[in-house]
Amino acid sequence: MRAVSELNYKPNLAAQALRNRESKLLGLIIPNIERPFYPKVIKNIEELAHEKGYSLILFDSSESVEKEAEIL
């Protein structure tokens, strides 16, 4: 632990995700982010995800089934 402190070691989160087979990322696809309904929903989802130790990745599909499939 002394070496960690002296060297100012910062863990590599990508490497940890590979080793643990867990990224702690959630993906959210929104049909149209410009609709007034979605910002509050996104905010609440992000806050809950953060509380649970997850990060949120947001996608806007522009109401396109093809784009949603590509995102997935």
PDB file of N, CA and C in Angstrom:
ATOM      1  N   MET A   1       0.837  -1.197   0.000  1.00  0.00           N
ATOM      2  CA  MET A   1       0.000   0.000   0.000  1.00  0.00           C
ATOM      3  C   MET A   1       0.879   1.257   0.000  1.00  0.00           C
ATOM      4  N   ARG A   2       2.041   1.154   0.638  1.00  0.00           N
ATOM      5  CA  ARG A   2       2.939   2.308   0.640  1.00  0.00           C
ATOM      6  C   ARG A   2       3.401   2.632  -0.786  1.00  0.00           C
ATOM      7  N   ALA A   3       3.748   1.592  -1.549  1.00  0.00           N
ATOM      8  CA  ALA A   3       4.183   1.793  -2.934  1.00  0.00           C
ATOM      9  C   ALA A   3       3.046   2.394  -3.763  1.00  0.00           C
ATOM     10  N   VAL A   4       1.836   1.928  -3.539  1.00  0.00           N
ATOM     11  CA  VAL A   4       0.676   2.464  -4.250  1.00  0.00           C
ATOM     12  C   VAL A   4       0.562   3.959  -3.978  1.00  0.00           C
ATOM     13  N   SER A   5       0.717   4.328  -2.734  1.00  0.00           N
ATOM     14  CA  SER A   5       0.619   5.730  -2.347  1.00  0.00           C
ATOM     15  C   SER A   5       1.782   6.547  -2.912  1.00  0.00           C
ATOM     16  N   GLU A   6       2.988   6.037  -2.779  1.00  0.00           N
ATOM     17  CA  GLU A   6       4.173   6.763  -3.248  1.00  0.00           C
ATOM     18  C   GLU A   6       4.173   6.952  -4.764  1.00  0.00           C
ATOM     19  N   LEU A   7       3.695   5.955  -5.481  1.00  0.00           N
ATOM     20  CA  LEU A   7       3.694   6.011  -6.938  1.00  0.00           C
ATOM     21  C   LEU A   7       2.430   6.665  -7.506  1.00  0.00           C
ATOM     22  N   ASN A   8       1.519   7.045  -6.593  1.00  0.00           N
ATOM     23  CA  ASN A   8       0.254   7.648  -6.996  1.00  0.00           C
ATOM     24  C   ASN A   8      -0.480   6.759  -8.015  1.00  0.00           C
ATOM     25  N   TYR A   9      -0.520   5.469  -7.706  1.00  0.00           N
ATOM     26  CA  TYR A   9      -1.126   4.471  -8.589  1.00  0.00           C
ATOM     27  C   TYR A   9      -2.620   4.714  -8.736  1.00  0.00           C
ATOM     28  N   LYS A  10      -3.082   4.651  -9.969  1.00  0.00           N
ATOM     29  CA  LYS A  10      -4.509   4.731 -10.274  1.00  0.00           C
ATOM     30  C   LYS A  10      -4.882   3.469 -11.046  1.00  0.00           C
ATOM     31  N   PRO A  11      -5.867   2.697 -10.577  1.00  0.00           N
ATOM     32  CA  PRO A  11      -6.253   1.472 -11.279  1.00  0.00           C
ATOM     33  C   PRO A  11      -6.787   1.768 -12.676  1.00  0.00           C
ATOM     34  N   ASN A  12      -6.534   0.868 -13.580  1.00  0.00           N
ATOM     35  CA  ASN A  12      -7.033   0.966 -14.943  1.00  0.00           C
ATOM     36  C   ASN A  12      -8.413   0.307 -14.973  1.00  0.00           C
ATOM     37  N   LEU A  13      -9.461   1.116 -15.114  1.00  0.00           N
ATOM     38  CA  LEU A  13     -10.830   0.601 -15.043  1.00  0.00           C
ATOM     39  C   LEU A  13     -11.156  -0.334 -16.200  1.00  0.00           C
ATOM     40  N   ALA A  14     -10.602  -0.065 -17.365  1.00  0.00           N
ATOM     41  CA  ALA A  14     -10.848  -0.952 -18.516  1.00  0.00           C
ATOM     42  C   ALA A  14     -10.226  -2.321 -18.262  1.00  0.00           C
ATOM     43  N   ALA A  15      -9.026  -2.354 -17.731  1.00  0.00           N
ATOM     44  CA  ALA A  15      -8.364  -3.622 -17.429  1.00  0.00           C
ATOM     45  C   ALA A  15      -9.129  -4.381 -16.338  1.00  0.00           C
ATOM     46  N   GLN A  16      -9.611  -3.676 -15.343  1.00  0.00           N
ATOM     47  CA  GLN A  16     -10.399  -4.317 -14.288  1.00  0.00           C
ATOM     48  C   GLN A  16     -11.679  -4.926 -14.854  1.00  0.00           C
ATOM     49  N   ALA A  17     -12.326  -4.204 -15.763  1.00  0.00           N
ATOM     50  CA  ALA A  17     -13.563  -4.705 -16.370  1.00  0.00           C
ATOM     51  C   ALA A  17     -13.291  -5.989 -17.144  1.00  0.00           C
ATOM     52  N   LEU A  18     -12.180  -6.036 -17.865  1.00  0.00           N
ATOM     53  CA  LEU A  18     -11.836  -7.247 -18.607  1.00  0.00           C
ATOM     54  C   LEU A  18     -11.576  -8.411 -17.662  1.00  0.00           C
ATOM     55  N   ARG A  19     -10.820  -8.158 -16.616  1.00  0.00           N
ATOM     56  CA  ARG A  19     -10.481  -9.223 -15.671  1.00  0.00           C
ATOM     57  C   ARG A  19     -11.713  -9.729 -14.923  1.00  0.00           C
ATOM     58  N   ASN A  20     -12.547  -8.816 -14.486  1.00  0.00           N
ATOM     59  CA  ASN A  20     -13.729  -9.180 -13.694  1.00  0.00           C
ATOM     60  C   ASN A  20     -14.930  -9.569 -14.545  1.00  0.00           C
ATOM     61  N   ARG A  21     -14.812  -9.344 -15.852  1.00  0.00           N
ATOM     62  CA  ARG A  21     -15.920  -9.596 -16.779  1.00  0.00           C
ATOM     63  C   ARG A  21     -17.174  -8.826 -16.388  1.00  0.00           C
ATOM     64  N   GLU A  22     -16.928  -7.611 -15.908  1.00  0.00           N
ATOM     65  CA  GLU A  22     -18.027  -6.737 -15.487  1.00  0.00           C
ATOM     66  C   GLU A  22     -17.593  -5.297 -15.720  1.00  0.00           C
ATOM     67  N   SER A  23     -18.344  -4.572 -16.540  1.00  0.00           N
ATOM     68  CA  SER A  23     -17.940  -3.212 -16.886  1.00  0.00           C
ATOM     69  C   SER A  23     -18.577  -2.133 -16.012  1.00  0.00           C
ATOM     70  N   LYS A  24     -19.652  -2.460 -15.335  1.00  0.00           N
ATOM     71  CA  LYS A  24     -20.400  -1.483 -14.546  1.00  0.00           C
ATOM     72  C   LYS A  24     -20.938  -0.361 -15.428  1.00  0.00           C
ATOM     73  N   LEU A  25     -21.252  -0.698 -16.680  1.00  0.00           N
ATOM     74  CA  LEU A  25     -21.849   0.253 -17.620  1.00  0.00           C
ATOM     75  C   LEU A  25     -23.261  -0.183 -17.966  1.00  0.00           C
ATOM     76  N   LEU A  26     -24.148   0.778 -18.038  1.00  0.00           N
ATOM     77  CA  LEU A  26     -25.513   0.532 -18.493  1.00  0.00           C
ATOM     78  C   LEU A  26     -25.741   1.356 -19.752  1.00  0.00           C
ATOM     79  N   GLY A  27     -26.359   0.749 -20.739  1.00  0.00           N
ATOM     80  CA  GLY A  27     -26.702   1.460 -21.958  1.00  0.00           C
ATOM     81  C   GLY A  27     -28.188   1.785 -21.976  1.00  0.00           C
ATOM     82  N   LEU A  28     -28.514   2.993 -22.379  1.00  0.00           N
ATOM     83  CA  LEU A  28     -29.902   3.434 -22.453  1.00  0.00           C
ATOM     84  C   LEU A  28     -30.151   4.004 -23.846  1.00  0.00           C
ATOM     85  N   ILE A  29     -31.122   3.443 -24.544  1.00  0.00           N
ATOM     86  CA  ILE A  29     -31.484   3.927 -25.872  1.00  0.00           C
ATOM     87  C   ILE A  29     -32.779   4.729 -25.749  1.00  0.00           C
ATOM     88  N   ILE A  30     -32.714   5.971 -26.168  1.00  0.00           N
ATOM     89  CA  ILE A  30     -33.868   6.873 -26.139  1.00  0.00           C
ATOM     90  C   ILE A  30     -34.327   7.096 -27.578  1.00  0.00           C
ATOM     91  N   PRO A  31     -35.643   7.000 -27.850  1.00  0.00           N
ATOM     92  CA  PRO A  31     -36.113   7.174 -29.225  1.00  0.00           C
ATOM     93  C   PRO A  31     -35.895   8.586 -29.772  1.00  0.00           C
ATOM     94  N   ASN A  32     -36.051   9.592 -28.916  1.00  0.00           N
ATOM     95  CA  ASN A  32     -35.876  10.969 -29.368  1.00  0.00           C
ATOM     96  C   ASN A  32     -35.586  11.839 -28.152  1.00  0.00           C
ATOM     97  N   ILE A  33     -34.348  12.202 -27.983  1.00  0.00           N
ATOM     98  CA  ILE A  33     -33.920  12.933 -26.785  1.00  0.00           C
ATOM     99  C   ILE A  33     -34.512  14.342 -26.713  1.00  0.00           C
ATOM    100  N   GLU A  34     -35.053  14.841 -27.812  1.00  0.00           N
ATOM    101  CA  GLU A  34     -35.618  16.188 -27.820  1.00  0.00           C
ATOM    102  C   GLU A  34     -37.023  16.252 -27.221  1.00  0.00           C
ATOM    103  N   ARG A  35     -37.639  15.113 -26.993  1.00  0.00           N
ATOM    104  CA  ARG A  35     -38.964  15.119 -26.364  1.00  0.00           C
ATOM    105  C   ARG A  35     -38.822  15.538 -24.899  1.00  0.00           C
ATOM    106  N   PRO A  36     -39.712  16.378 -24.408  1.00  0.00           N
ATOM    107  CA  PRO A  36     -39.591  16.917 -23.050  1.00  0.00           C
ATOM    108  C   PRO A  36     -39.655  15.860 -21.942  1.00  0.00           C
ATOM    109  N   PHE A  37     -40.230  14.715 -22.222  1.00  0.00           N
ATOM    110  CA  PHE A  37     -40.393  13.658 -21.229  1.00  0.00           C
ATOM    111  C   PHE A  37     -39.047  13.035 -20.819  1.00  0.00           C
ATOM    112  N   TYR A  38     -38.114  12.915 -21.739  1.00  0.00           N
ATOM    113  CA  TYR A  38     -36.923  12.099 -21.511  1.00  0.00           C
ATOM    114  C   TYR A  38     -35.849  12.678 -20.588  1.00  0.00           C
ATOM    115  N   PRO A  39     -35.569  13.977 -20.587  1.00  0.00           N
ATOM    116  CA  PRO A  39     -34.483  14.451 -19.715  1.00  0.00           C
ATOM    117  C   PRO A  39     -34.641  14.075 -18.243  1.00  0.00           C
ATOM    118  N   LYS A  40     -35.851  14.190 -17.703  1.00  0.00           N
ATOM    119  CA  LYS A  40     -36.061  13.845 -16.297  1.00  0.00           C
ATOM    120  C   LYS A  40     -35.895  12.340 -16.074  1.00  0.00           C
ATOM    121  N   VAL A  41     -36.383  11.539 -17.003  1.00  0.00           N
ATOM    122  CA  VAL A  41     -36.226  10.081 -16.905  1.00  0.00           C
ATOM    123  C   VAL A  41     -34.739   9.721 -16.933  1.00  0.00           C
ATOM    124  N   ILE A  42     -34.014  10.315 -17.872  1.00  0.00           N
ATOM    125  CA  ILE A  42     -32.577  10.046 -17.989  1.00  0.00           C
ATOM    126  C   ILE A  42     -31.859  10.447 -16.707  1.00  0.00           C
ATOM    127  N   LYS A  43     -32.178  11.615 -16.181  1.00  0.00           N
ATOM    128  CA  LYS A  43     -31.542  12.094 -14.945  1.00  0.00           C
ATOM    129  C   LYS A  43     -31.771  11.118 -13.802  1.00  0.00           C
ATOM    130  N   ASN A  44     -32.999  10.650 -13.640  1.00  0.00           N
ATOM    131  CA  ASN A  44     -33.309   9.717 -12.559  1.00  0.00           C
ATOM    132  C   ASN A  44     -32.596   8.377 -12.736  1.00  0.00           C
ATOM    133  N   ILE A  45     -32.549   7.881 -13.955  1.00  0.00           N
ATOM    134  CA  ILE A  45     -31.848   6.623 -14.219  1.00  0.00           C
ATOM    135  C   ILE A  45     -30.366   6.780 -13.917  1.00  0.00           C
ATOM    136  N   GLU A  46     -29.781   7.895 -14.366  1.00  0.00           N
ATOM    137  CA  GLU A  46     -28.349   8.124 -14.139  1.00  0.00           C
ATOM    138  C   GLU A  46     -28.041   8.228 -12.649  1.00  0.00           C
ATOM    139  N   GLU A  47     -28.861   8.923 -11.902  1.00  0.00           N
ATOM    140  CA  GLU A  47     -28.636   9.067 -10.459  1.00  0.00           C
ATOM    141  C   GLU A  47     -28.695   7.719  -9.749  1.00  0.00           C
ATOM    142  N   LEU A  48     -29.680   6.899 -10.091  1.00  0.00           N
ATOM    143  CA  LEU A  48     -29.803   5.581  -9.476  1.00  0.00           C
ATOM    144  C   LEU A  48     -28.625   4.684  -9.873  1.00  0.00           C
ATOM    145  N   ALA A  49     -28.255   4.738 -11.144  1.00  0.00           N
ATOM    146  CA  ALA A  49     -27.107   3.952 -11.604  1.00  0.00           C
ATOM    147  C   ALA A  49     -25.857   4.353 -10.838  1.00  0.00           C
ATOM    148  N   HIS A  50     -25.649   5.648 -10.686  1.00  0.00           N
ATOM    149  CA  HIS A  50     -24.477   6.146  -9.955  1.00  0.00           C
ATOM    150  C   HIS A  50     -24.472   5.659  -8.505  1.00  0.00           C
ATOM    151  N   GLU A  51     -25.628   5.705  -7.861  1.00  0.00           N
ATOM    152  CA  GLU A  51     -25.741   5.216  -6.481  1.00  0.00           C
ATOM    153  C   GLU A  51     -25.332   3.748  -6.371  1.00  0.00           C
ATOM    154  N   LYS A  52     -25.601   2.981  -7.414  1.00  0.00           N
ATOM    155  CA  LYS A  52     -25.300   1.547  -7.408  1.00  0.00           C
ATOM    156  C   LYS A  52     -23.915   1.233  -7.985  1.00  0.00           C
ATOM    157  N   GLY A  53     -23.147   2.292  -8.338  1.00  0.00           N
ATOM    158  CA  GLY A  53     -21.787   2.092  -8.821  1.00  0.00           C
ATOM    159  C   GLY A  53     -21.679   1.866 -10.323  1.00  0.00           C
ATOM    160  N   TYR A  54     -22.712   2.238 -11.050  1.00  0.00           N
ATOM    161  CA  TYR A  54     -22.716   2.067 -12.503  1.00  0.00           C
ATOM    162  C   TYR A  54     -22.597   3.414 -13.205  1.00  0.00           C
ATOM    163  N   SER A  55     -22.131   3.369 -14.437  1.00  0.00           N
ATOM    164  CA  SER A  55     -22.112   4.537 -15.312  1.00  0.00           C
ATOM    165  C   SER A  55     -23.125   4.297 -16.421  1.00  0.00           C
ATOM    166  N   LEU A  56     -23.647   5.387 -16.948  1.00  0.00           N
ATOM    167  CA  LEU A  56     -24.687   5.294 -17.965  1.00  0.00           C
ATOM    168  C   LEU A  56     -24.151   5.791 -19.304  1.00  0.00           C
ATOM    169  N   ILE A  57     -24.414   5.021 -20.341  1.00  0.00           N
ATOM    170  CA  ILE A  57     -24.104   5.427 -21.706  1.00  0.00           C
ATOM    171  C   ILE A  57     -25.443   5.656 -22.395  1.00  0.00           C
ATOM    172  N   LEU A  58     -25.609   6.833 -22.972  1.00  0.00           N
ATOM    173  CA  LEU A  58     -26.881   7.231 -23.560  1.00  0.00           C
ATOM    174  C   LEU A  58     -26.792   7.258 -25.083  1.00  0.00           C
ATOM    175  N   PHE A  59     -27.806   6.703 -25.719  1.00  0.00           N
ATOM    176  CA  PHE A  59     -27.905   6.700 -27.177  1.00  0.00           C
ATOM    177  C   PHE A  59     -29.255   7.267 -27.582  1.00  0.00           C
ATOM    178  N   ASP A  60     -29.287   8.017 -28.669  1.00  0.00           N
ATOM    179  CA  ASP A  60     -30.528   8.523 -29.255  1.00  0.00           C
ATOM    180  C   ASP A  60     -30.714   7.803 -30.583  1.00  0.00           C
ATOM    181  N   SER A  61     -31.785   7.040 -30.690  1.00  0.00           N
ATOM    182  CA  SER A  61     -32.006   6.251 -31.908  1.00  0.00           C
ATOM    183  C   SER A  61     -32.710   7.036 -33.009  1.00  0.00           C
ATOM    184  N   SER A  62     -33.117   8.252 -32.719  1.00  0.00           N
ATOM    185  CA  SER A  62     -33.845   9.079 -33.695  1.00  0.00           C
ATOM    186  C   SER A  62     -35.070   8.338 -34.251  1.00  0.00           C
ATOM    187  N   GLU A  63     -35.672   7.536 -33.388  1.00  0.00           N
ATOM    188  CA  GLU A  63     -36.865   6.758 -33.734  1.00  0.00           C
ATOM    189  C   GLU A  63     -36.632   5.835 -34.923  1.00  0.00           C
ATOM    190  N   SER A  64     -35.422   5.335 -35.059  1.00  0.00           N
ATOM    191  CA  SER A  64     -35.067   4.443 -36.157  1.00  0.00           C
ATOM    192  C   SER A  64     -34.788   3.039 -35.616  1.00  0.00           C
ATOM    193  N   VAL A  65     -35.591   2.089 -36.058  1.00  0.00           N
ATOM    194  CA  VAL A  65     -35.406   0.693 -35.652  1.00  0.00           C
ATOM    195  C   VAL A  65     -34.031   0.199 -36.107  1.00  0.00           C
ATOM    196  N   GLU A  66     -33.613   0.623 -37.295  1.00  0.00           N
ATOM    197  CA  GLU A  66     -32.312   0.209 -37.820  1.00  0.00           C
ATOM    198  C   GLU A  66     -31.177   0.745 -36.941  1.00  0.00           C
ATOM    199  N   LYS A  67     -31.296   1.991 -36.532  1.00  0.00           N
ATOM    200  CA  LYS A  67     -30.271   2.591 -35.660  1.00  0.00           C
ATOM    201  C   LYS A  67     -30.246   1.891 -34.303  1.00  0.00           C
ATOM    202  N   GLU A  68     -31.415   1.567 -33.765  1.00  0.00           N
ATOM    203  CA  GLU A  68     -31.473   0.844 -32.491  1.00  0.00           C
ATOM    204  C   GLU A  68     -30.767  -0.496 -32.606  1.00  0.00           C
ATOM    205  N   ALA A  69     -31.005  -1.205 -33.697  1.00  0.00           N
ATOM    206  CA  ALA A  69     -30.345  -2.500 -33.911  1.00  0.00           C
ATOM    207  C   ALA A  69     -28.842  -2.322 -34.006  1.00  0.00           C
ATOM    208  N   GLU A  70     -28.407  -1.273 -34.681  1.00  0.00           N
ATOM    209  CA  GLU A  70     -26.978  -0.997 -34.801  1.00  0.00           C
ATOM    210  C   GLU A  70     -26.364  -0.695 -33.437  1.00  0.00           C
ATOM    211  N   ILE A  71     -27.045   0.065 -32.627  1.00  0.00           N
ATOM    212  CA  ILE A  71     -26.564   0.406 -31.286  1.00  0.00           C
ATOM    213  C   ILE A  71     -26.422  -0.862 -30.442  1.00  0.00           C
ATOM    214  N   LEU A  72     -27.435  -1.729 -30.511  1.00  0.00           N
ATOM    215  CA  LEU A  72     -27.381  -2.976 -29.740  1.00  0.00           C
ATOM    216  C   LEU A  72     -26.240  -3.840 -30.220  1.00  0.00           C
TER     217      LEU A  72
END
